[in-house]
Amino acid sequence: MKKITRKEAMDMIENTKGKVFTVKFTKSSGEEREMNCRTGVESFRHGGENSTAHKPHIITVFEMPKLQYRKFNINNLKEFKFAGTMYTVED
């Protein structure tokens, strides 16, 4: 496993170009969660604005295969997997 910073993880997530990746993070309830997701999905939007656009630490993704939008806090990210490589996120 490679070690990366949160900033590097954020940059990598922004540059996945709609490809599926996996994140493992701690929810605000303290529960660990893992999800397969992607960014850039627009087809399931029902209008409205992104309520977290002013919060750069909150990442909005589209969870696969549940076909639902989800959000996670980049500050709670533990692992990130993309293109067959697993990364451990550290401060």
PDB file of N, CA and C in Angstrom:
ATOM      1  N   MET A   1       0.829  -1.179   0.000  1.00  0.00           N
ATOM      2  CA  MET A   1       0.000   0.000   0.000  1.00  0.00           C
ATOM      3  C   MET A   1       0.873   1.242   0.000  1.00  0.00           C
ATOM      4  N   LYS A   2       0.499   2.191  -0.808  1.00  0.00           N
ATOM      5  CA  LYS A   2       1.219   3.458  -0.861  1.00  0.00           C
ATOM      6  C   LYS A   2       0.574   4.447   0.092  1.00  0.00           C
ATOM      7  N   LYS A   3       1.377   5.323   0.674  1.00  0.00           N
ATOM      8  CA  LYS A   3       0.873   6.346   1.585  1.00  0.00           C
ATOM      9  C   LYS A   3       0.771   7.670   0.837  1.00  0.00           C
ATOM     10  N   ILE A   4      -0.379   8.341   1.017  1.00  0.00           N
ATOM     11  CA  ILE A   4      -0.582   9.651   0.397  1.00  0.00           C
ATOM     12  C   ILE A   4      -1.202  10.597   1.427  1.00  0.00           C
ATOM     13  N   THR A   5      -1.108  11.889   1.153  1.00  0.00           N
ATOM     14  CA  THR A   5      -1.723  12.892   2.023  1.00  0.00           C
ATOM     15  C   THR A   5      -3.174  13.096   1.601  1.00  0.00           C
ATOM     16  N   ARG A   6      -3.942  13.787   2.431  1.00  0.00           N
ATOM     17  CA  ARG A   6      -5.334  14.088   2.093  1.00  0.00           C
ATOM     18  C   ARG A   6      -5.414  14.963   0.845  1.00  0.00           C
ATOM     19  N   LYS A   7      -4.491  15.896   0.719  1.00  0.00           N
ATOM     20  CA  LYS A   7      -4.456  16.772  -0.461  1.00  0.00           C
ATOM     21  C   LYS A   7      -4.222  15.945  -1.718  1.00  0.00           C
ATOM     22  N   GLU A   8      -3.300  14.995  -1.655  1.00  0.00           N
ATOM     23  CA  GLU A   8      -3.043  14.128  -2.806  1.00  0.00           C
ATOM     24  C   GLU A   8      -4.270  13.278  -3.119  1.00  0.00           C
ATOM     25  N   ALA A   9      -4.940  12.780  -2.069  1.00  0.00           N
ATOM     26  CA  ALA A   9      -6.152  11.978  -2.274  1.00  0.00           C
ATOM     27  C   ALA A   9      -7.234  12.816  -2.947  1.00  0.00           C
ATOM     28  N   MET A  10      -7.416  14.053  -2.482  1.00  0.00           N
ATOM     29  CA  MET A  10      -8.415  14.956  -3.061  1.00  0.00           C
ATOM     30  C   MET A  10      -8.109  15.207  -4.534  1.00  0.00           C
ATOM     31  N   ASP A  11      -6.863  15.457  -4.854  1.00  0.00           N
ATOM     32  CA  ASP A  11      -6.463  15.689  -6.243  1.00  0.00           C
ATOM     33  C   ASP A  11      -6.714  14.449  -7.102  1.00  0.00           C
ATOM     34  N   MET A  12      -6.404  13.285  -6.563  1.00  0.00           N
ATOM     35  CA  MET A  12      -6.602  12.049  -7.316  1.00  0.00           C
ATOM     36  C   MET A  12      -8.089  11.788  -7.562  1.00  0.00           C
ATOM     37  N   ILE A  13      -8.924  12.036  -6.560  1.00  0.00           N
ATOM     38  CA  ILE A  13     -10.368  11.844  -6.718  1.00  0.00           C
ATOM     39  C   ILE A  13     -10.909  12.796  -7.784  1.00  0.00           C
ATOM     40  N   GLU A  14     -10.465  14.029  -7.762  1.00  0.00           N
ATOM     41  CA  GLU A  14     -10.914  15.010  -8.753  1.00  0.00           C
ATOM     42  C   GLU A  14     -10.470  14.634 -10.161  1.00  0.00           C
ATOM     43  N   ASN A  15      -9.402  13.867 -10.290  1.00  0.00           N
ATOM     44  CA  ASN A  15      -8.865  13.501 -11.600  1.00  0.00           C
ATOM     45  C   ASN A  15      -9.189  12.072 -12.029  1.00  0.00           C
ATOM     46  N   THR A  16     -10.174  11.429 -11.400  1.00  0.00           N
ATOM     47  CA  THR A  16     -10.561  10.072 -11.802  1.00  0.00           C
ATOM     48  C   THR A  16     -11.353  10.073 -13.112  1.00  0.00           C
ATOM     49  N   LYS A  17     -11.838  11.233 -13.528  1.00  0.00           N
ATOM     50  CA  LYS A  17     -12.523  11.406 -14.813  1.00  0.00           C
ATOM     51  C   LYS A  17     -13.686  10.437 -14.996  1.00  0.00           C
ATOM     52  N   GLY A  18     -14.488  10.266 -13.939  1.00  0.00           N
ATOM     53  CA  GLY A  18     -15.685   9.440 -14.029  1.00  0.00           C
ATOM     54  C   GLY A  18     -15.465   7.952 -13.880  1.00  0.00           C
ATOM     55  N   LYS A  19     -14.244   7.536 -13.633  1.00  0.00           N
ATOM     56  CA  LYS A  19     -13.970   6.109 -13.445  1.00  0.00           C
ATOM     57  C   LYS A  19     -14.259   5.714 -11.994  1.00  0.00           C
ATOM     58  N   VAL A  20     -14.631   4.458 -11.795  1.00  0.00           N
ATOM     59  CA  VAL A  20     -15.002   3.960 -10.476  1.00  0.00           C
ATOM     60  C   VAL A  20     -13.769   3.822  -9.585  1.00  0.00           C
ATOM     61  N   PHE A  21     -13.917   4.218  -8.336  1.00  0.00           N
ATOM     62  CA  PHE A  21     -12.869   4.072  -7.324  1.00  0.00           C
ATOM     63  C   PHE A  21     -13.535   3.664  -6.016  1.00  0.00           C
ATOM     64  N   THR A  22     -12.730   3.248  -5.053  1.00  0.00           N
ATOM     65  CA  THR A  22     -13.234   2.814  -3.752  1.00  0.00           C
ATOM     66  C   THR A  22     -12.653   3.704  -2.668  1.00  0.00           C
ATOM     67  N   VAL A  23     -13.501   4.100  -1.729  1.00  0.00           N
ATOM     68  CA  VAL A  23     -13.048   4.864  -0.576  1.00  0.00           C
ATOM     69  C   VAL A  23     -13.468   4.152   0.698  1.00  0.00           C
ATOM     70  N   LYS A  24     -12.640   4.278   1.710  1.00  0.00           N
ATOM     71  CA  LYS A  24     -12.956   3.757   3.039  1.00  0.00           C
ATOM     72  C   LYS A  24     -12.775   4.927   3.992  1.00  0.00           C
ATOM     73  N   PHE A  25     -13.830   5.213   4.764  1.00  0.00           N
ATOM     74  CA  PHE A  25     -13.801   6.382   5.627  1.00  0.00           C
ATOM     75  C   PHE A  25     -14.607   6.115   6.897  1.00  0.00           C
ATOM     76  N   THR A  26     -14.501   7.024   7.844  1.00  0.00           N
ATOM     77  CA  THR A  26     -15.266   6.945   9.075  1.00  0.00           C
ATOM     78  C   THR A  26     -16.425   7.929   8.969  1.00  0.00           C
ATOM     79  N   LYS A  27     -17.642   7.425   9.147  1.00  0.00           N
ATOM     80  CA  LYS A  27     -18.825   8.270   9.118  1.00  0.00           C
ATOM     81  C   LYS A  27     -18.865   9.141  10.370  1.00  0.00           C
ATOM     82  N   SER A  28     -19.695  10.181  10.352  1.00  0.00           N
ATOM     83  CA  SER A  28     -19.797  11.070  11.516  1.00  0.00           C
ATOM     84  C   SER A  28     -20.296  10.325  12.751  1.00  0.00           C
ATOM     85  N   SER A  29     -20.985   9.192  12.541  1.00  0.00           N
ATOM     86  CA  SER A  29     -21.465   8.377  13.654  1.00  0.00           C
ATOM     87  C   SER A  29     -20.352   7.525  14.274  1.00  0.00           C
ATOM     88  N   GLY A  30     -19.177   7.498  13.631  1.00  0.00           N
ATOM     89  CA  GLY A  30     -18.063   6.696  14.102  1.00  0.00           C
ATOM     90  C   GLY A  30     -17.949   5.360  13.393  1.00  0.00           C
ATOM     91  N   GLU A  31     -18.951   5.009  12.596  1.00  0.00           N
ATOM     92  CA  GLU A  31     -18.961   3.743  11.863  1.00  0.00           C
ATOM     93  C   GLU A  31     -18.050   3.838  10.643  1.00  0.00           C
ATOM     94  N   GLU A  32     -17.304   2.749  10.375  1.00  0.00           N
ATOM     95  CA  GLU A  32     -16.480   2.708   9.160  1.00  0.00           C
ATOM     96  C   GLU A  32     -17.346   2.323   7.983  1.00  0.00           C
ATOM     97  N   ARG A  33     -17.058   2.932   6.832  1.00  0.00           N
ATOM     98  CA  ARG A  33     -17.859   2.680   5.635  1.00  0.00           C
ATOM     99  C   ARG A  33     -16.935   2.559   4.450  1.00  0.00           C
ATOM    100  N   GLU A  34     -17.245   1.652   3.562  1.00  0.00           N
ATOM    101  CA  GLU A  34     -16.506   1.492   2.307  1.00  0.00           C
ATOM    102  C   GLU A  34     -17.509   1.596   1.177  1.00  0.00           C
ATOM    103  N   MET A  35     -17.153   2.312   0.127  1.00  0.00           N
ATOM    104  CA  MET A  35     -18.071   2.403  -0.999  1.00  0.00           C
ATOM    105  C   MET A  35     -17.327   2.528  -2.312  1.00  0.00           C
ATOM    106  N   ASN A  36     -17.927   1.920  -3.331  1.00  0.00           N
ATOM    107  CA  ASN A  36     -17.463   2.057  -4.709  1.00  0.00           C
ATOM    108  C   ASN A  36     -18.254   3.204  -5.310  1.00  0.00           C
ATOM    109  N   CYS A  37     -17.552   4.143  -5.893  1.00  0.00           N
ATOM    110  CA  CYS A  37     -18.233   5.333  -6.370  1.00  0.00           C
ATOM    111  C   CYS A  37     -17.480   5.964  -7.533  1.00  0.00           C
ATOM    112  N   ARG A  38     -18.060   7.032  -8.048  1.00  0.00           N
ATOM    113  CA  ARG A  38     -17.419   7.802  -9.109  1.00  0.00           C
ATOM    114  C   ARG A  38     -17.894   9.240  -9.041  1.00  0.00           C
ATOM    115  N   THR A  39     -17.186  10.109  -9.684  1.00  0.00           N
ATOM    116  CA  THR A  39     -17.565  11.519  -9.730  1.00  0.00           C
ATOM    117  C   THR A  39     -18.075  11.845 -11.127  1.00  0.00           C
ATOM    118  N   GLY A  40     -18.661  13.008 -11.259  1.00  0.00           N
ATOM    119  CA  GLY A  40     -19.065  13.495 -12.575  1.00  0.00           C
ATOM    120  C   GLY A  40     -20.365  12.945 -13.114  1.00  0.00           C
ATOM    121  N   VAL A  41     -21.160  12.236 -12.331  1.00  0.00           N
ATOM    122  CA  VAL A  41     -22.430  11.687 -12.808  1.00  0.00           C
ATOM    123  C   VAL A  41     -23.482  12.775 -12.713  1.00  0.00           C
ATOM    124  N   GLU A  42     -24.153  13.045 -13.818  1.00  0.00           N
ATOM    125  CA  GLU A  42     -25.176  14.084 -13.874  1.00  0.00           C
ATOM    126  C   GLU A  42     -26.556  13.528 -14.190  1.00  0.00           C
ATOM    127  N   SER A  43     -26.644  12.305 -14.682  1.00  0.00           N
ATOM    128  CA  SER A  43     -27.900  11.785 -15.232  1.00  0.00           C
ATOM    129  C   SER A  43     -28.998  11.550 -14.205  1.00  0.00           C
ATOM    130  N   PHE A  44     -28.669  11.431 -12.919  1.00  0.00           N
ATOM    131  CA  PHE A  44     -29.682  11.141 -11.908  1.00  0.00           C
ATOM    132  C   PHE A  44     -30.047  12.366 -11.072  1.00  0.00           C
ATOM    133  N   ARG A  45     -29.586  13.516 -11.489  1.00  0.00           N
ATOM    134  CA  ARG A  45     -29.882  14.737 -10.742  1.00  0.00           C
ATOM    135  C   ARG A  45     -31.326  15.146 -10.977  1.00  0.00           C
ATOM    136  N   HIS A  46     -31.919  15.700  -9.938  1.00  0.00           N
ATOM    137  CA  HIS A  46     -33.310  16.142 -10.029  1.00  0.00           C
ATOM    138  C   HIS A  46     -33.414  17.649  -9.821  1.00  0.00           C
ATOM    139  N   GLY A  47     -32.435  18.363 -10.279  1.00  0.00           N
ATOM    140  CA  GLY A  47     -32.444  19.808 -10.103  1.00  0.00           C
ATOM    141  C   GLY A  47     -31.892  20.206  -8.754  1.00  0.00           C
ATOM    142  N   GLY A  48     -31.999  21.462  -8.449  1.00  0.00           N
ATOM    143  CA  GLY A  48     -31.479  21.942  -7.170  1.00  0.00           C
ATOM    144  C   GLY A  48     -29.997  22.213  -7.240  1.00  0.00           C
ATOM    145  N   GLU A  49     -29.489  22.696  -6.130  1.00  0.00           N
ATOM    146  CA  GLU A  49     -28.074  23.035  -6.055  1.00  0.00           C
ATOM    147  C   GLU A  49     -27.357  22.089  -5.109  1.00  0.00           C
ATOM    148  N   ASN A  50     -26.065  21.988  -5.274  1.00  0.00           N
ATOM    149  CA  ASN A  50     -25.242  21.185  -4.375  1.00  0.00           C
ATOM    150  C   ASN A  50     -25.136  21.935  -3.048  1.00  0.00           C
ATOM    151  N   SER A  51     -25.711  21.371  -1.997  1.00  0.00           N
ATOM    152  CA  SER A  51     -25.744  22.040  -0.696  1.00  0.00           C
ATOM    153  C   SER A  51     -24.373  22.102  -0.020  1.00  0.00           C
ATOM    154  N   THR A  52     -23.393  21.387  -0.532  1.00  0.00           N
ATOM    155  CA  THR A  52     -22.064  21.391   0.079  1.00  0.00           C
ATOM    156  C   THR A  52     -21.019  22.059  -0.813  1.00  0.00           C
ATOM    157  N   ALA A  53     -21.457  22.827  -1.793  1.00  0.00           N
ATOM    158  CA  ALA A  53     -20.515  23.478  -2.704  1.00  0.00           C
ATOM    159  C   ALA A  53     -19.565  24.419  -1.960  1.00  0.00           C
ATOM    160  N   HIS A  54     -19.993  24.982  -0.858  1.00  0.00           N
ATOM    161  CA  HIS A  54     -19.161  25.897  -0.083  1.00  0.00           C
ATOM    162  C   HIS A  54     -18.315  25.180   0.974  1.00  0.00           C
ATOM    163  N   LYS A  55     -18.385  23.854   0.995  1.00  0.00           N
ATOM    164  CA  LYS A  55     -17.609  23.054   1.951  1.00  0.00           C
ATOM    165  C   LYS A  55     -16.620  22.175   1.176  1.00  0.00           C
ATOM    166  N   PRO A  56     -15.406  22.666   0.948  1.00  0.00           N
ATOM    167  CA  PRO A  56     -14.462  21.921   0.103  1.00  0.00           C
ATOM    168  C   PRO A  56     -14.014  20.582   0.685  1.00  0.00           C
ATOM    169  N   HIS A  57     -14.220  20.342   1.969  1.00  0.00           N
ATOM    170  CA  HIS A  57     -13.820  19.074   2.577  1.00  0.00           C
ATOM    171  C   HIS A  57     -14.880  17.980   2.416  1.00  0.00           C
ATOM    172  N   ILE A  58     -16.059  18.330   1.900  1.00  0.00           N
ATOM    173  CA  ILE A  58     -17.125  17.357   1.658  1.00  0.00           C
ATOM    174  C   ILE A  58     -17.134  17.010   0.162  1.00  0.00           C
ATOM    175  N   ILE A  59     -16.977  15.719  -0.134  1.00  0.00           N
ATOM    176  CA  ILE A  59     -16.906  15.241  -1.517  1.00  0.00           C
ATOM    177  C   ILE A  59     -18.229  14.561  -1.867  1.00  0.00           C
ATOM    178  N   THR A  60     -18.853  14.997  -2.953  1.00  0.00           N
ATOM    179  CA  THR A  60     -20.075  14.369  -3.429  1.00  0.00           C
ATOM    180  C   THR A  60     -19.717  13.381  -4.528  1.00  0.00           C
ATOM    181  N   VAL A  61     -20.186  12.149  -4.385  1.00  0.00           N
ATOM    182  CA  VAL A  61     -19.907  11.077  -5.340  1.00  0.00           C
ATOM    183  C   VAL A  61     -21.206  10.351  -5.674  1.00  0.00           C
ATOM    184  N   PHE A  62     -21.150   9.509  -6.678  1.00  0.00           N
ATOM    185  CA  PHE A  62     -22.279   8.671  -7.061  1.00  0.00           C
ATOM    186  C   PHE A  62     -21.910   7.238  -6.722  1.00  0.00           C
ATOM    187  N   GLU A  63     -22.647   6.634  -5.779  1.00  0.00           N
ATOM    188  CA  GLU A  63     -22.317   5.287  -5.323  1.00  0.00           C
ATOM    189  C   GLU A  63     -22.814   4.235  -6.304  1.00  0.00           C
ATOM    190  N   MET A  64     -21.929   3.309  -6.595  1.00  0.00           N
ATOM    191  CA  MET A  64     -22.243   2.194  -7.472  1.00  0.00           C
ATOM    192  C   MET A  64     -22.338   0.943  -6.610  1.00  0.00           C
ATOM    193  N   PRO A  65     -23.170   0.015  -6.726  1.00  0.00           N
ATOM    194  CA  PRO A  65     -24.264  -0.087  -7.695  1.00  0.00           C
ATOM    195  C   PRO A  65     -25.594   0.433  -7.170  1.00  0.00           C
ATOM    196  N   LYS A  66     -25.587   1.128  -6.021  1.00  0.00           N
ATOM    197  CA  LYS A  66     -26.844   1.606  -5.440  1.00  0.00           C
ATOM    198  C   LYS A  66     -27.488   2.730  -6.239  1.00  0.00           C
ATOM    199  N   LEU A  67     -26.715   3.337  -7.124  1.00  0.00           N
ATOM    200  CA  LEU A  67     -27.203   4.417  -7.974  1.00  0.00           C
ATOM    201  C   LEU A  67     -27.781   5.563  -7.162  1.00  0.00           C
ATOM    202  N   GLN A  68     -27.005   6.000  -6.178  1.00  0.00           N
ATOM    203  CA  GLN A  68     -27.415   7.112  -5.333  1.00  0.00           C
ATOM    204  C   GLN A  68     -26.229   8.034  -5.083  1.00  0.00           C
ATOM    205  N   TYR A  69     -26.543   9.316  -4.948  1.00  0.00           N
ATOM    206  CA  TYR A  69     -25.509  10.268  -4.576  1.00  0.00           C
ATOM    207  C   TYR A  69     -25.208  10.132  -3.090  1.00  0.00           C
ATOM    208  N   ARG A  70     -23.936  10.208  -2.747  1.00  0.00           N
ATOM    209  CA  ARG A  70     -23.486  10.134  -1.361  1.00  0.00           C
ATOM    210  C   ARG A  70     -22.417  11.205  -1.158  1.00  0.00           C
ATOM    211  N   LYS A  71     -22.133  11.495   0.105  1.00  0.00           N
ATOM    212  CA  LYS A  71     -21.100  12.470   0.444  1.00  0.00           C
ATOM    213  C   LYS A  71     -20.213  11.881   1.528  1.00  0.00           C
ATOM    214  N   PHE A  72     -18.961  12.277   1.523  1.00  0.00           N
ATOM    215  CA  PHE A  72     -18.066  11.905   2.612  1.00  0.00           C
ATOM    216  C   PHE A  72     -17.103  13.049   2.875  1.00  0.00           C
ATOM    217  N   ASN A  73     -16.602  13.066   4.096  1.00  0.00           N
ATOM    218  CA  ASN A  73     -15.681  14.104   4.531  1.00  0.00           C
ATOM    219  C   ASN A  73     -14.254  13.640   4.236  1.00  0.00           C
ATOM    220  N   ILE A  74     -13.533  14.405   3.454  1.00  0.00           N
ATOM    221  CA  ILE A  74     -12.163  14.040   3.084  1.00  0.00           C
ATOM    222  C   ILE A  74     -11.278  13.926   4.327  1.00  0.00           C
ATOM    223  N   ASN A  75     -11.629  14.635   5.402  1.00  0.00           N
ATOM    224  CA  ASN A  75     -10.841  14.579   6.633  1.00  0.00           C
ATOM    225  C   ASN A  75     -10.982  13.237   7.347  1.00  0.00           C
ATOM    226  N   ASN A  76     -12.006  12.450   6.991  1.00  0.00           N
ATOM    227  CA  ASN A  76     -12.233  11.144   7.605  1.00  0.00           C
ATOM    228  C   ASN A  76     -11.830   9.994   6.683  1.00  0.00           C
ATOM    229  N   LEU A  77     -11.235  10.313   5.549  1.00  0.00           N
ATOM    230  CA  LEU A  77     -10.823   9.295   4.580  1.00  0.00           C
ATOM    231  C   LEU A  77      -9.633   8.506   5.109  1.00  0.00           C
ATOM    232  N   LYS A  78      -9.730   7.172   5.034  1.00  0.00           N
ATOM    233  CA  LYS A  78      -8.651   6.298   5.502  1.00  0.00           C
ATOM    234  C   LYS A  78      -7.924   5.627   4.352  1.00  0.00           C
ATOM    235  N   GLU A  79      -8.685   5.140   3.359  1.00  0.00           N
ATOM    236  CA  GLU A  79      -8.094   4.431   2.222  1.00  0.00           C
ATOM    237  C   GLU A  79      -8.776   4.855   0.934  1.00  0.00           C
ATOM    238  N   PHE A  80      -8.009   4.778  -0.128  1.00  0.00           N
ATOM    239  CA  PHE A  80      -8.485   5.145  -1.460  1.00  0.00           C
ATOM    240  C   PHE A  80      -7.896   4.137  -2.435  1.00  0.00           C
ATOM    241  N   LYS A  81      -8.738   3.529  -3.253  1.00  0.00           N
ATOM    242  CA  LYS A  81      -8.256   2.563  -4.234  1.00  0.00           C
ATOM    243  C   LYS A  81      -8.712   3.002  -5.621  1.00  0.00           C
ATOM    244  N   PHE A  82      -7.741   3.071  -6.535  1.00  0.00           N
ATOM    245  CA  PHE A  82      -8.045   3.475  -7.903  1.00  0.00           C
ATOM    246  C   PHE A  82      -7.070   2.790  -8.850  1.00  0.00           C
ATOM    247  N   ALA A  83      -7.596   2.282  -9.945  1.00  0.00           N
ATOM    248  CA  ALA A  83      -6.781   1.654 -10.992  1.00  0.00           C
ATOM    249  C   ALA A  83      -5.906   0.537 -10.418  1.00  0.00           C
ATOM    250  N   GLY A  84      -6.442  -0.235  -9.478  1.00  0.00           N
ATOM    251  CA  GLY A  84      -5.723  -1.370  -8.941  1.00  0.00           C
ATOM    252  C   GLY A  84      -4.694  -1.072  -7.873  1.00  0.00           C
ATOM    253  N   THR A  85      -4.568   0.198  -7.491  1.00  0.00           N
ATOM    254  CA  THR A  85      -3.600   0.566  -6.476  1.00  0.00           C
ATOM    255  C   THR A  85      -4.321   1.050  -5.227  1.00  0.00           C
ATOM    256  N   MET A  86      -3.936   0.525  -4.073  1.00  0.00           N
ATOM    257  CA  MET A  86      -4.519   0.909  -2.792  1.00  0.00           C
ATOM    258  C   MET A  86      -3.612   1.938  -2.129  1.00  0.00           C
ATOM    259  N   TYR A  87      -4.218   3.009  -1.644  1.00  0.00           N
ATOM    260  CA  TYR A  87      -3.495   4.075  -0.968  1.00  0.00           C
ATOM    261  C   TYR A  87      -4.015   4.214   0.459  1.00  0.00           C
ATOM    262  N   THR A  88      -3.113   4.416   1.394  1.00  0.00           N
ATOM    263  CA  THR A  88      -3.466   4.756   2.771  1.00  0.00           C
ATOM    264  C   THR A  88      -3.332   6.252   2.909  1.00  0.00           C
ATOM    265  N   VAL A  89      -4.368   6.889   3.424  1.00  0.00           N
ATOM    266  CA  VAL A  89      -4.375   8.349   3.538  1.00  0.00           C
ATOM    267  C   VAL A  89      -3.928   8.744   4.941  1.00  0.00           C
ATOM    268  N   GLU A  90      -2.934   9.600   4.992  1.00  0.00           N
ATOM    269  CA  GLU A  90      -2.384  10.072   6.262  1.00  0.00           C
ATOM    270  C   GLU A  90      -2.373  11.587   6.286  1.00  0.00           C
ATOM    271  N   ASP A  91      -2.313  12.128   7.502  1.00  0.00           N
ATOM    272  CA  ASP A  91      -2.272  13.600   7.654  1.00  0.00           C
ATOM    273  C   ASP A  91      -0.943  14.152   7.248  1.00  0.00           C
TER     274      ASP A  91
END
